[in-house]
Amino acid sequence: QVQLVESGGGLVQPGGSLRLSCAVSGSLFSPNIMGWYRQAPGQQRELVATIWTRGGTDYADSVKGRFTISRDNEKNTVTLQMDSLSPEDTAVYYCKYSDWYHPSEFWGQGTQVTVSS
């Protein structure tokens, strides 16, 4: 099994920044992919950014140029640096892990990000 614990959410003003972190533990296998997803009230969960073991990344068009995903393979952590935040970024942000070994993916409990003045 795999456990994920997110941290770093909160309230920020428009134009501000937040940094989300996710610590992953348990039976981990490489290669794997870790990522951030978000779900706003009344909306479906959507991809924000993903990163592969060797660093390949993918971003939603809505966050390109504003968000940066990174990972530390030694510490098994994935981080999402969010800059130039807007109210449209308000959502619960979830960390996800998946690899070639486990048949299912694993999710964190989510952390709330609220962008408001």
Protein backbone atom coordinates (compact mmCIF):
# COMPACT_ATOMS: atom_id res chain seq x y z
CA GLN A 1 0.00 0.00 0.00
CA VAL A 2 0.92 3.62 -0.48
CA GLN A 3 0.12 6.58 1.76
CA LEU A 4 0.10 10.23 0.73
CA VAL A 5 -0.05 13.23 3.03
CA GLU A 6 -0.53 16.71 1.61
CA SER A 7 0.29 19.99 3.28
CA GLY A 8 0.54 23.67 2.45
CA GLY A 9 -2.97 24.73 1.53
CA GLY A 10 -4.63 27.83 2.86
CA LEU A 11 -6.06 31.24 2.07
CA VAL A 12 -4.19 33.61 -0.20
CA GLN A 13 -5.02 36.86 -1.96
CA PRO A 14 -5.25 37.06 -5.76
CA GLY A 15 -1.79 37.36 -7.26
CA GLY A 16 -0.23 35.57 -4.32
CA SER A 17 1.65 32.29 -4.06
CA LEU A 18 1.31 29.01 -2.23
CA ARG A 19 3.44 25.91 -2.08
CA LEU A 20 1.85 22.48 -1.72
CA SER A 21 3.81 19.44 -0.64
CA CYS A 22 2.96 15.75 -0.67
CA ALA A 23 4.89 13.08 1.22
CA VAL A 24 4.55 9.60 -0.25
CA SER A 25 5.37 6.46 1.73
CA GLY A 26 4.85 2.73 1.61
CA SER A 27 5.60 0.22 -1.15
CA LEU A 28 6.91 2.46 -3.89
CA PHE A 29 8.19 1.29 -7.27
CA SER A 30 9.93 3.03 -10.12
CA PRO A 31 9.13 4.22 -12.60
CA ASN A 32 6.15 6.03 -11.19
CA ILE A 33 4.18 9.17 -11.76
CA MET A 34 3.06 11.65 -9.14
CA GLY A 35 0.75 14.53 -9.68
CA TRP A 36 -1.63 17.15 -8.45
CA TYR A 37 -5.31 17.33 -9.25
CA ARG A 38 -7.97 19.71 -8.06
CA GLN A 39 -11.70 19.77 -7.58
CA ALA A 40 -13.74 22.93 -7.25
CA PRO A 41 -17.28 22.88 -5.79
CA GLY A 42 -19.70 21.42 -8.31
CA GLN A 43 -16.90 20.56 -10.72
CA GLN A 44 -15.17 17.36 -11.73
CA ARG A 45 -11.69 16.62 -10.50
CA GLU A 46 -9.14 17.82 -13.03
CA LEU A 47 -5.46 17.39 -13.68
CA VAL A 48 -3.19 20.23 -12.62
CA ALA A 49 0.29 18.82 -13.19
CA THR A 50 2.13 15.50 -13.23
CA ILE A 51 5.76 14.48 -13.02
CA TRP A 52 7.47 11.20 -13.86
CA THR A 53 10.33 9.62 -11.93
CA ARG A 54 12.92 11.06 -14.28
CA GLY A 55 11.35 14.50 -14.28
CA GLY A 56 9.11 14.62 -17.33
CA THR A 57 6.21 16.96 -16.62
CA ASP A 58 2.77 17.81 -17.93
CA TYR A 59 0.57 20.79 -17.04
CA ALA A 60 -3.01 21.83 -17.55
CA ASP A 61 -3.20 24.76 -19.97
CA SER A 62 -4.83 26.87 -17.27
CA VAL A 63 -1.77 26.71 -15.01
CA LYS A 64 1.10 26.74 -17.51
CA GLY A 65 3.55 29.49 -16.70
CA ARG A 66 2.14 29.96 -13.20
CA PHE A 67 2.55 26.57 -11.50
CA THR A 68 5.67 24.44 -11.22
CA ILE A 69 5.73 20.80 -10.18
CA SER A 70 8.87 19.17 -8.82
CA ARG A 71 9.84 16.03 -6.94
CA ASP A 72 12.55 14.71 -4.67
CA ASN A 73 13.10 11.01 -5.36
CA GLU A 74 15.27 10.60 -2.28
CA LYS A 75 12.60 11.95 0.06
CA ASN A 76 9.63 10.69 -2.00
CA THR A 77 7.98 14.06 -2.06
CA VAL A 78 6.24 16.04 -4.77
CA THR A 79 5.78 19.80 -4.61
CA LEU A 80 3.54 22.23 -6.44
CA GLN A 81 4.65 25.86 -6.47
CA MET A 82 1.68 28.03 -7.35
CA ASP A 83 2.25 31.65 -8.36
CA SER A 84 -0.03 34.38 -9.68
CA LEU A 85 -3.00 32.69 -8.10
CA SER A 86 -6.50 33.74 -9.10
CA PRO A 87 -9.93 33.00 -7.59
CA GLU A 88 -10.41 30.41 -10.35
CA ASP A 89 -7.67 28.34 -8.69
CA THR A 90 -9.80 27.87 -5.59
CA ALA A 91 -10.32 24.15 -5.06
CA VAL A 92 -9.37 21.14 -3.01
CA TYR A 93 -6.00 19.95 -4.28
CA TYR A 94 -5.20 16.25 -4.26
CA CYS A 95 -1.91 14.44 -4.63
CA LYS A 96 -1.87 11.22 -6.64
CA TYR A 97 0.64 8.39 -7.03
CA SER A 98 0.68 5.48 -9.47
CA ASP A 99 3.29 3.01 -10.70
CA TRP A 100 3.69 -0.09 -12.85
CA TYR A 101 3.34 -2.52 -9.92
CA HIS A 102 0.13 -1.52 -8.15
CA PRO A 103 -3.08 -2.12 -10.13
CA SER A 104 -4.72 0.98 -8.66
CA GLU A 105 -3.66 4.57 -8.05
CA PHE A 106 -3.41 6.19 -4.64
CA TRP A 107 -4.74 9.56 -3.50
CA GLY A 108 -4.10 11.90 -0.63
CA GLN A 109 -6.83 13.33 1.55
CA GLY A 110 -6.77 16.72 -0.16
CA THR A 111 -5.86 20.22 0.96
CA GLN A 112 -8.00 23.31 0.50
CA VAL A 113 -6.68 26.26 -1.49
CA THR A 114 -8.76 29.41 -1.38
CA VAL A 115 -7.86 32.49 -3.40
CA SER A 116 -9.85 35.48 -2.25
CA SER A 117 -9.43 39.09 -1.28
